[in-house]
Amino acid sequence: MAERAEVVFVDGVRTPFGRAGEKGMYWQTRADDLVVKAIIGLLERNPGVPKDRIDDVAIAATTQTGDQGLTLGRTAALLAGLPQSVPGYAIDRMCAGAMTSVTTTAGAIAFGAYDLAIAGGVEHMGRHPMGFGVDPNPRFLAEKLVSAEALNMGNTAERIHDRFPHLTKERADRFALGSQRKTAEAYKNGKIQPDLIPVATRSATGWGLATADEAPRPETTMEGLAGLRTPFRPHGRVTAGNSSGLNDGATASLLASADAAKEFGLSTKMRLVSFAFAGVEPEIMGIGPVPSTEKALRKAGLSIGDIGLFELNEAFAIQVLSLLDHFGIDDEDPRVNIWGGAIAVGHPLASSGVRLMIQLARQFEEHPEVRYGLTAMCIGLGQGGSVIWENPHFTGKRKK
């Protein structure tokens, strides 16, 4: 059997993320059109890609119905103008959908079955609220496989606070404030905009153009966060301020074997080192990235001290804090989410995994002293996902 092929992350883009609901900028935009726009933008940025050589298109969505249904990877490929010879499929691993799109197609590249693949995700939470239309098997609850609270992500976040009382609401609020401030600073310095694909929008007032995320609240203060209600339990600790919102948006990335990237003259923004998924108690799903990260590190022969940059999905502040606490990393460690995260920009479920990768790839360019980076996220129903990447710009020396 041939040796495993090296997998590289060539490029990634995303739409700006909108607020879900009637007042959000994508209320009158179809979900499939969002991901098609991302794919078209990705291919326009990489004109050297021979479209007929793309081996697969894997697109994730959590709620696969309506304009997020119909084997989304295949329909998006056709709508984006790819040749009919290019196949595609849909993936669902809830919040880690796009991450799983990447790892699944990367596995095929490593095996030698694929040379090029497009992987991404979309979620239109305005049109398709999380859990809408699902029919959980009654055995889930009757046989106590999971508690009823495990089906509500906010309740699972409260449970982590219960388990780790030293991870206080104040610490969660402070982390959330940091996310807002870092995102505002990143926008100010033009860090995020280069990878956003503008999207035409329509509303009652006419046509517009989405060029930036809709959710950030740079005016956030600790006092404001302290006064927010706790919707998941009386006198709780999880609020809208220290959680990601309900959002709409799409992501798309291009993966290749190192040989194919060289053949077609494509960039290499990151090299895949290892990935892992792990299961935990559904009632505390937010700690999922802890065992998945341990597993990915073990597979790579690395330790947490080898990771120089972290892109952790901020579904809830407490979820990120629990991982940092486990590994002995400070709440305000400068290696963590240096441009902010989902608390500010939003978390359109199945699309978010590739957003983490897009940001890490950009940060690698700015940090040649960093060799390895981690993208990780918690996943509904008690799971975690982690991917370790290597910086192709690594020199061991900080750029002057």
Foldseek 3Di string as FASTA:
>chain_A
DDAFFWKFFQAKFKAFKWAAAQPIQCLVPFFLVQALLRVLVQCVVPVLDDLLQAAEEEEEEADADDSNHDFSRAVSCVVNPRDNNYYYGYAHQWQAQQVCQVVVVSVCQRVPNHFKYKTFYWFRCNVPPRPPPDDDDPCCPVVPVDHPLLQPVLQLLLVLCVVPVVCALLLLLVLLLVLLQLQVVCVVVVNRQVRHRKDWGADPVGIDIRRHFHFRDNVDDSVVSVPFARVPDHPTRFGLSQAFHAITMMMMTMMGGPVSCVVSVTHGLWIFQFKFKDFDRSSNLLLQQQVRVVVRCVSNVHDPVLAQAEEEARRGSSSVVVNCVVNVHDSVHCRYPSNHHRSGSGRSRSRRQVVSVNSVSSVLVQFLLRFKHKYKYGTRNGMIMMTMIGGPSHDNDHDD
